[in-house]
Amino acid sequence: MIRSVLLALLLLPLAAAAQTMYKWVDEKGVTHFSESPPPDGKAAKVEVKPTAPETPRSDDWRQRDLESRQRRAAKGTGDSEVQKRDQQMRGTRCSTARRELDGLKNARRVYKIDAKGERVYVEDAERPALIERWEQEARKYCD
């Protein structure tokens, strides 16, 4: 009810603004539109009628999105951009895991940066657990 009243209040000034427009072609062949006729008076009247703006329903986009996904699934294309991003993420994680493993296995002293920005060295007792963690990451992301 409130929407229809607001819509009517919005359309009322638009209806009052409906005017006669004039269309004519000048001596160079250029088409003109204006609210007043040209000086020579050779113009055609064009009635301008404002149209009400369409108010989309809130669920329309969901339905269109669902239909679009169904069409893509039927074509078998899938979301190639999502697959590309997933593949890039897997590659990044794989390289990170391999780099960390290499550092843990080959470096003498390994450190992490804490919240204060200071180096905290990894104890020898922590090293096997970290190696196992990064090996799991490497198995998970590096086929």
N, C-alpha and C. Protein backbone atom coordinates (compact mmCIF):
# COMPACT_ATOMS: atom_id res chain seq x y z
N MET A 1 0.83 -1.19 0.00
CA MET A 1 0.00 0.00 0.00
C MET A 1 0.88 1.25 0.00
N ILE A 2 1.86 1.26 0.89
CA ILE A 2 2.74 2.43 1.00
C ILE A 2 3.54 2.60 -0.29
N ARG A 3 4.00 1.48 -0.86
CA ARG A 3 4.76 1.57 -2.11
C ARG A 3 3.94 2.18 -3.22
N SER A 4 2.68 1.77 -3.32
CA SER A 4 1.84 2.30 -4.40
C SER A 4 1.59 3.80 -4.21
N VAL A 5 1.42 4.24 -2.97
CA VAL A 5 1.22 5.67 -2.71
C VAL A 5 2.48 6.45 -3.07
N LEU A 6 3.66 5.92 -2.67
CA LEU A 6 4.91 6.59 -3.00
C LEU A 6 5.14 6.62 -4.51
N LEU A 7 4.80 5.54 -5.18
CA LEU A 7 4.95 5.49 -6.63
C LEU A 7 4.04 6.52 -7.30
N ALA A 8 2.81 6.63 -6.80
CA ALA A 8 1.88 7.62 -7.37
C ALA A 8 2.40 9.04 -7.15
N LEU A 9 2.97 9.30 -5.97
CA LEU A 9 3.51 10.63 -5.69
C LEU A 9 4.71 10.94 -6.58
N LEU A 10 5.49 9.92 -6.91
CA LEU A 10 6.64 10.12 -7.79
C LEU A 10 6.20 10.32 -9.23
N LEU A 11 5.16 9.65 -9.65
CA LEU A 11 4.72 9.73 -11.04
C LEU A 11 3.90 10.97 -11.33
N LEU A 12 3.29 11.55 -10.33
CA LEU A 12 2.46 12.73 -10.52
C LEU A 12 3.24 13.89 -11.15
N PRO A 13 4.42 14.25 -10.64
CA PRO A 13 5.18 15.32 -11.29
C PRO A 13 5.65 14.93 -12.68
N LEU A 14 5.93 13.65 -12.89
CA LEU A 14 6.36 13.22 -14.21
C LEU A 14 5.23 13.38 -15.23
N ALA A 15 4.01 13.08 -14.83
CA ALA A 15 2.88 13.23 -15.73
C ALA A 15 2.66 14.70 -16.07
N ALA A 16 2.86 15.56 -15.07
CA ALA A 16 2.70 16.99 -15.32
C ALA A 16 3.81 17.51 -16.23
N ALA A 17 4.96 16.84 -16.21
CA ALA A 17 6.08 17.27 -17.01
C ALA A 17 5.98 16.80 -18.46
N ALA A 18 4.97 16.01 -18.78
CA ALA A 18 4.81 15.53 -20.15
C ALA A 18 4.55 16.74 -21.04
N GLN A 19 5.40 16.91 -22.04
CA GLN A 19 5.31 18.07 -22.90
C GLN A 19 5.33 17.64 -24.34
N THR A 20 5.03 18.61 -25.18
CA THR A 20 5.14 18.37 -26.60
C THR A 20 6.55 18.73 -27.03
N MET A 21 7.15 17.84 -27.74
CA MET A 21 8.49 18.07 -28.27
C MET A 21 8.36 18.24 -29.78
N TYR A 22 9.29 18.95 -30.36
CA TYR A 22 9.30 19.17 -31.80
C TYR A 22 10.53 18.51 -32.40
N LYS A 23 10.31 17.90 -33.55
CA LYS A 23 11.40 17.24 -34.26
C LYS A 23 11.46 17.83 -35.66
N TRP A 24 12.67 18.23 -36.08
CA TRP A 24 12.83 18.74 -37.43
C TRP A 24 14.24 18.44 -37.94
N VAL A 25 14.38 18.54 -39.23
CA VAL A 25 15.67 18.32 -39.88
C VAL A 25 16.09 19.64 -40.52
N ASP A 26 17.32 20.09 -40.20
CA ASP A 26 17.78 21.36 -40.75
C ASP A 26 18.33 21.18 -42.16
N GLU A 27 18.83 22.27 -42.76
CA GLU A 27 19.30 22.25 -44.15
C GLU A 27 20.53 21.37 -44.34
N LYS A 28 21.25 21.04 -43.28
CA LYS A 28 22.43 20.17 -43.37
C LYS A 28 22.07 18.69 -43.17
N GLY A 29 20.81 18.42 -42.89
CA GLY A 29 20.36 17.04 -42.71
C GLY A 29 20.47 16.54 -41.28
N VAL A 30 20.70 17.45 -40.34
CA VAL A 30 20.83 17.06 -38.94
C VAL A 30 19.46 17.10 -38.28
N THR A 31 19.09 16.03 -37.59
CA THR A 31 17.80 15.97 -36.91
C THR A 31 17.92 16.63 -35.54
N HIS A 32 16.94 17.48 -35.21
CA HIS A 32 16.93 18.20 -33.93
C HIS A 32 15.65 17.88 -33.18
N PHE A 33 15.76 17.91 -31.85
CA PHE A 33 14.60 17.80 -30.96
C PHE A 33 14.66 18.98 -30.02
N SER A 34 13.51 19.63 -29.79
CA SER A 34 13.48 20.73 -28.83
C SER A 34 12.07 20.92 -28.31
N GLU A 35 11.96 21.77 -27.27
CA GLU A 35 10.65 22.07 -26.69
C GLU A 35 9.93 23.17 -27.44
N SER A 36 10.65 23.90 -28.27
CA SER A 36 10.00 24.96 -29.06
C SER A 36 10.23 24.67 -30.54
N PRO A 37 9.27 25.06 -31.39
CA PRO A 37 9.41 24.78 -32.82
C PRO A 37 10.51 25.65 -33.43
N PRO A 38 11.03 25.25 -34.57
CA PRO A 38 12.07 26.05 -35.22
C PRO A 38 11.47 27.34 -35.77
N PRO A 39 12.31 28.32 -36.11
CA PRO A 39 11.82 29.61 -36.59
C PRO A 39 10.98 29.49 -37.87
N ASP A 40 11.31 28.55 -38.76
CA ASP A 40 10.54 28.44 -40.00
C ASP A 40 9.23 27.68 -39.81
N GLY A 41 9.02 27.06 -38.64
CA GLY A 41 7.76 26.39 -38.34
C GLY A 41 7.59 25.02 -38.96
N LYS A 42 8.58 24.51 -39.64
CA LYS A 42 8.48 23.20 -40.26
C LYS A 42 9.02 22.14 -39.29
N ALA A 43 8.13 21.63 -38.47
CA ALA A 43 8.53 20.62 -37.49
C ALA A 43 7.35 19.69 -37.23
N ALA A 44 7.65 18.48 -36.84
CA ALA A 44 6.62 17.51 -36.48
C ALA A 44 6.52 17.46 -34.96
N LYS A 45 5.29 17.42 -34.44
CA LYS A 45 5.09 17.32 -33.01
C LYS A 45 5.31 15.87 -32.58
N VAL A 46 6.00 15.73 -31.48
CA VAL A 46 6.25 14.41 -30.89
C VAL A 46 5.76 14.47 -29.46
N GLU A 47 4.81 13.59 -29.11
CA GLU A 47 4.30 13.54 -27.74
C GLU A 47 5.28 12.74 -26.89
N VAL A 48 5.71 13.31 -25.80
CA VAL A 48 6.61 12.63 -24.88
C VAL A 48 5.79 12.20 -23.68
N LYS A 49 5.75 10.90 -23.46
CA LYS A 49 5.00 10.37 -22.33
C LYS A 49 5.98 9.65 -21.41
N PRO A 50 6.12 10.13 -20.19
CA PRO A 50 7.03 9.45 -19.27
C PRO A 50 6.49 8.08 -18.90
N THR A 51 7.37 7.15 -18.73
CA THR A 51 6.96 5.82 -18.32
C THR A 51 7.38 5.61 -16.88
N ALA A 52 6.62 4.79 -16.22
CA ALA A 52 6.91 4.48 -14.82
C ALA A 52 8.15 3.60 -14.76
N PRO A 53 9.04 3.89 -13.85
CA PRO A 53 10.22 3.03 -13.73
C PRO A 53 9.81 1.65 -13.21
N GLU A 54 10.45 0.66 -13.76
CA GLU A 54 10.15 -0.69 -13.30
C GLU A 54 10.78 -0.90 -11.95
N THR A 55 10.04 -1.45 -11.04
CA THR A 55 10.58 -1.77 -9.73
C THR A 55 10.85 -3.26 -9.69
N PRO A 56 12.12 -3.65 -9.68
CA PRO A 56 12.43 -5.07 -9.69
C PRO A 56 12.05 -5.72 -8.37
N ARG A 57 11.58 -6.92 -8.48
CA ARG A 57 11.27 -7.67 -7.27
C ARG A 57 12.57 -8.10 -6.64
N SER A 58 12.56 -8.24 -5.33
CA SER A 58 13.81 -8.54 -4.63
C SER A 58 14.33 -9.94 -4.94
N ASP A 59 13.47 -10.86 -5.33
CA ASP A 59 13.90 -12.23 -5.59
C ASP A 59 14.23 -12.48 -7.05
N ASP A 60 14.03 -11.49 -7.93
CA ASP A 60 14.30 -11.70 -9.36
C ASP A 60 15.76 -12.04 -9.62
N TRP A 61 16.67 -11.36 -8.96
CA TRP A 61 18.09 -11.61 -9.21
C TRP A 61 18.48 -13.01 -8.80
N ARG A 62 17.86 -13.51 -7.73
CA ARG A 62 18.18 -14.88 -7.29
C ARG A 62 17.74 -15.89 -8.34
N GLN A 63 16.56 -15.68 -8.87
CA GLN A 63 16.03 -16.59 -9.89
C GLN A 63 16.90 -16.55 -11.14
N ARG A 64 17.29 -15.35 -11.58
CA ARG A 64 18.14 -15.22 -12.76
C ARG A 64 19.50 -15.86 -12.54
N ASP A 65 20.05 -15.68 -11.34
CA ASP A 65 21.34 -16.28 -11.02
C ASP A 65 21.25 -17.81 -11.04
N LEU A 66 20.17 -18.34 -10.47
CA LEU A 66 19.97 -19.79 -10.47
C LEU A 66 19.83 -20.32 -11.89
N GLU A 67 19.06 -19.63 -12.73
CA GLU A 67 18.90 -20.07 -14.12
C GLU A 67 20.22 -20.01 -14.87
N SER A 68 21.01 -18.97 -14.62
CA SER A 68 22.31 -18.85 -15.28
C SER A 68 23.24 -19.99 -14.87
N ARG A 69 23.25 -20.31 -13.60
CA ARG A 69 24.08 -21.42 -13.12
C ARG A 69 23.63 -22.75 -13.72
N GLN A 70 22.32 -22.92 -13.84
CA GLN A 70 21.80 -24.16 -14.43
C GLN A 70 22.18 -24.27 -15.90
N ARG A 71 22.12 -23.15 -16.63
CA ARG A 71 22.52 -23.17 -18.04
C ARG A 71 24.00 -23.51 -18.18
N ARG A 72 24.84 -22.89 -17.34
CA ARG A 72 26.27 -23.19 -17.40
C ARG A 72 26.55 -24.64 -17.05
N ALA A 73 25.84 -25.17 -16.07
CA ALA A 73 26.04 -26.57 -15.69
C ALA A 73 25.60 -27.49 -16.81
N ALA A 74 24.51 -27.13 -17.51
CA ALA A 74 24.03 -27.95 -18.62
C ALA A 74 25.04 -27.94 -19.77
N LYS A 75 25.69 -26.80 -20.00
CA LYS A 75 26.69 -26.70 -21.05
C LYS A 75 27.98 -27.41 -20.65
N GLY A 76 28.19 -27.58 -19.36
CA GLY A 76 29.39 -28.24 -18.88
C GLY A 76 30.59 -27.33 -18.80
N THR A 77 30.37 -26.01 -18.91
CA THR A 77 31.50 -25.08 -18.89
C THR A 77 32.00 -24.87 -17.47
N GLY A 78 31.12 -24.82 -16.49
CA GLY A 78 31.54 -24.57 -15.12
C GLY A 78 32.03 -23.15 -14.95
N ASP A 79 32.56 -22.86 -13.82
CA ASP A 79 33.09 -21.53 -13.54
C ASP A 79 34.59 -21.57 -13.76
N SER A 80 35.03 -21.23 -14.96
CA SER A 80 36.45 -21.31 -15.28
C SER A 80 37.28 -20.33 -14.45
N GLU A 81 36.73 -19.16 -14.15
CA GLU A 81 37.47 -18.20 -13.33
C GLU A 81 37.69 -18.74 -11.93
N VAL A 82 36.69 -19.38 -11.38
CA VAL A 82 36.82 -19.96 -10.05
C VAL A 82 37.87 -21.06 -10.08
N GLN A 83 37.86 -21.87 -11.13
CA GLN A 83 38.85 -22.94 -11.25
C GLN A 83 40.25 -22.37 -11.39
N LYS A 84 40.40 -21.27 -12.14
CA LYS A 84 41.71 -20.63 -12.30
C LYS A 84 42.22 -20.12 -10.96
N ARG A 85 41.35 -19.43 -10.21
CA ARG A 85 41.75 -18.90 -8.91
C ARG A 85 42.13 -20.02 -7.95
N ASP A 86 41.36 -21.12 -7.99
CA ASP A 86 41.66 -22.25 -7.12
C ASP A 86 43.01 -22.86 -7.49
N GLN A 87 43.28 -22.96 -8.77
CA GLN A 87 44.54 -23.52 -9.22
C GLN A 87 45.72 -22.61 -8.82
N GLN A 88 45.54 -21.30 -8.95
CA GLN A 88 46.58 -20.37 -8.54
C GLN A 88 46.85 -20.45 -7.03
N MET A 89 45.76 -20.55 -6.25
CA MET A 89 45.89 -20.65 -4.81
C MET A 89 46.64 -21.93 -4.43
N ARG A 90 46.30 -23.04 -5.10
CA ARG A 90 46.98 -24.30 -4.81
C ARG A 90 48.47 -24.19 -5.15
N GLY A 91 48.80 -23.56 -6.28
CA GLY A 91 50.19 -23.39 -6.66
C GLY A 91 50.96 -22.55 -5.66
N THR A 92 50.34 -21.48 -5.17
CA THR A 92 50.98 -20.62 -4.19
C THR A 92 51.23 -21.37 -2.89
N ARG A 93 50.22 -22.09 -2.44
CA ARG A 93 50.38 -22.85 -1.20
C ARG A 93 51.42 -23.95 -1.35
N CYS A 94 51.46 -24.57 -2.51
CA CYS A 94 52.45 -25.62 -2.77
C CYS A 94 53.86 -25.05 -2.69
N SER A 95 54.10 -23.93 -3.36
CA SER A 95 55.44 -23.35 -3.34
C SER A 95 55.82 -22.87 -1.94
N THR A 96 54.86 -22.35 -1.19
CA THR A 96 55.13 -21.92 0.18
C THR A 96 55.52 -23.13 1.04
N ALA A 97 54.78 -24.21 0.90
CA ALA A 97 55.08 -25.41 1.69
C ALA A 97 56.45 -25.95 1.35
N ARG A 98 56.80 -25.99 0.08
CA ARG A 98 58.12 -26.50 -0.33
C ARG A 98 59.24 -25.60 0.18
N ARG A 99 59.03 -24.29 0.11
CA ARG A 99 60.05 -23.35 0.58
C ARG A 99 60.27 -23.51 2.09
N GLU A 100 59.17 -23.62 2.84
CA GLU A 100 59.28 -23.78 4.29
C GLU A 100 59.95 -25.10 4.65
N LEU A 101 59.60 -26.16 3.94
CA LEU A 101 60.23 -27.47 4.18
C LEU A 101 61.73 -27.40 3.92
N ASP A 102 62.10 -26.78 2.83
CA ASP A 102 63.51 -26.65 2.49
C ASP A 102 64.25 -25.88 3.58
N GLY A 103 63.65 -24.82 4.05
CA GLY A 103 64.28 -24.03 5.11
C GLY A 103 64.41 -24.80 6.40
N LEU A 104 63.39 -25.56 6.76
CA LEU A 104 63.44 -26.33 8.00
C LEU A 104 64.44 -27.48 7.93
N LYS A 105 64.53 -28.12 6.78
CA LYS A 105 65.41 -29.29 6.65
C LYS A 105 66.87 -28.90 6.45
N ASN A 106 67.13 -27.76 5.81
CA ASN A 106 68.49 -27.43 5.43
C ASN A 106 69.12 -26.29 6.21
N ALA A 107 68.34 -25.45 6.82
CA ALA A 107 68.89 -24.29 7.52
C ALA A 107 69.30 -24.67 8.94
N ARG A 108 70.32 -24.00 9.43
CA ARG A 108 70.76 -24.29 10.79
C ARG A 108 69.84 -23.62 11.82
N ARG A 109 69.57 -22.34 11.65
CA ARG A 109 68.72 -21.64 12.61
C ARG A 109 67.52 -21.08 11.86
N VAL A 110 66.34 -21.44 12.32
CA VAL A 110 65.09 -21.00 11.70
C VAL A 110 64.37 -20.10 12.69
N TYR A 111 63.80 -19.02 12.21
CA TYR A 111 63.07 -18.12 13.09
C TYR A 111 61.73 -17.73 12.47
N LYS A 112 60.85 -17.25 13.34
CA LYS A 112 59.56 -16.70 12.94
C LYS A 112 59.53 -15.25 13.43
N ILE A 113 58.71 -14.45 12.81
CA ILE A 113 58.53 -13.06 13.24
C ILE A 113 57.27 -13.03 14.11
N ASP A 114 57.40 -12.53 15.34
CA ASP A 114 56.24 -12.49 16.23
C ASP A 114 55.42 -11.22 15.99
N ALA A 115 54.40 -11.02 16.81
CA ALA A 115 53.49 -9.89 16.66
C ALA A 115 54.20 -8.54 16.84
N LYS A 116 55.28 -8.54 17.61
CA LYS A 116 56.04 -7.30 17.85
C LYS A 116 57.02 -7.00 16.72
N GLY A 117 57.15 -7.96 15.77
CA GLY A 117 58.09 -7.77 14.68
C GLY A 117 59.49 -8.25 15.01
N GLU A 118 59.62 -9.00 16.10
CA GLU A 118 60.92 -9.50 16.53
C GLU A 118 61.11 -10.95 16.10
N ARG A 119 62.36 -11.34 15.94
CA ARG A 119 62.66 -12.73 15.57
C ARG A 119 62.53 -13.63 16.80
N VAL A 120 61.84 -14.76 16.58
CA VAL A 120 61.75 -15.80 17.60
C VAL A 120 62.29 -17.06 16.96
N TYR A 121 63.39 -17.58 17.48
CA TYR A 121 64.04 -18.73 16.88
C TYR A 121 63.31 -20.02 17.24
N VAL A 122 63.23 -20.93 16.25
CA VAL A 122 62.56 -22.22 16.44
C VAL A 122 63.52 -23.14 17.18
N GLU A 123 63.05 -23.74 18.24
CA GLU A 123 63.86 -24.68 19.02
C GLU A 123 63.99 -25.98 18.24
N ASP A 124 65.04 -26.72 18.52
CA ASP A 124 65.26 -27.99 17.83
C ASP A 124 64.13 -28.98 18.12
N ALA A 125 63.51 -28.88 19.28
CA ALA A 125 62.41 -29.79 19.63
C ALA A 125 61.16 -29.50 18.79
N GLU A 126 60.98 -28.25 18.39
CA GLU A 126 59.80 -27.87 17.59
C GLU A 126 59.96 -28.23 16.12
N ARG A 127 61.17 -28.38 15.66
CA ARG A 127 61.46 -28.57 14.24
C ARG A 127 60.74 -29.78 13.62
N PRO A 128 60.73 -30.98 14.24
CA PRO A 128 60.04 -32.12 13.62
C PRO A 128 58.53 -31.88 13.43
N ALA A 129 57.90 -31.22 14.39
CA ALA A 129 56.47 -30.95 14.27
C ALA A 129 56.20 -29.98 13.12
N LEU A 130 57.06 -28.97 12.98
CA LEU A 130 56.91 -28.03 11.86
C LEU A 130 57.16 -28.71 10.52
N ILE A 131 58.18 -29.59 10.48
CA ILE A 131 58.46 -30.32 9.24
C ILE A 131 57.26 -31.16 8.85
N GLU A 132 56.65 -31.84 9.83
CA GLU A 132 55.47 -32.68 9.54
C GLU A 132 54.31 -31.83 9.04
N ARG A 133 54.11 -30.68 9.66
CA ARG A 133 53.01 -29.79 9.25
C ARG A 133 53.20 -29.35 7.79
N TRP A 134 54.41 -28.92 7.44
CA TRP A 134 54.65 -28.45 6.07
C TRP A 134 54.65 -29.59 5.06
N GLU A 135 55.04 -30.79 5.49
CA GLU A 135 54.94 -31.96 4.60
C GLU A 135 53.48 -32.27 4.28
N GLN A 136 52.61 -32.15 5.29
CA GLN A 136 51.17 -32.35 5.06
C GLN A 136 50.65 -31.31 4.07
N GLU A 137 51.05 -30.06 4.24
CA GLU A 137 50.63 -29.01 3.30
C GLU A 137 51.11 -29.33 1.89
N ALA A 138 52.36 -29.77 1.77
CA ALA A 138 52.92 -30.10 0.46
C ALA A 138 52.15 -31.26 -0.18
N ARG A 139 51.83 -32.29 0.60
CA ARG A 139 51.04 -33.42 0.06
C ARG A 139 49.66 -32.96 -0.36
N LYS A 140 49.10 -32.04 0.40
CA LYS A 140 47.73 -31.59 0.11
C LYS A 140 47.66 -30.73 -1.16
N TYR A 141 48.63 -29.82 -1.34
CA TYR A 141 48.54 -28.86 -2.45
C TYR A 141 49.46 -29.15 -3.62
N CYS A 142 50.46 -30.01 -3.45
CA CYS A 142 51.37 -30.35 -4.54
C CYS A 142 51.06 -31.77 -4.97
N ASP A 143 50.28 -31.95 -5.98
CA ASP A 143 49.84 -33.27 -6.44
C ASP A 143 50.91 -34.29 -6.47
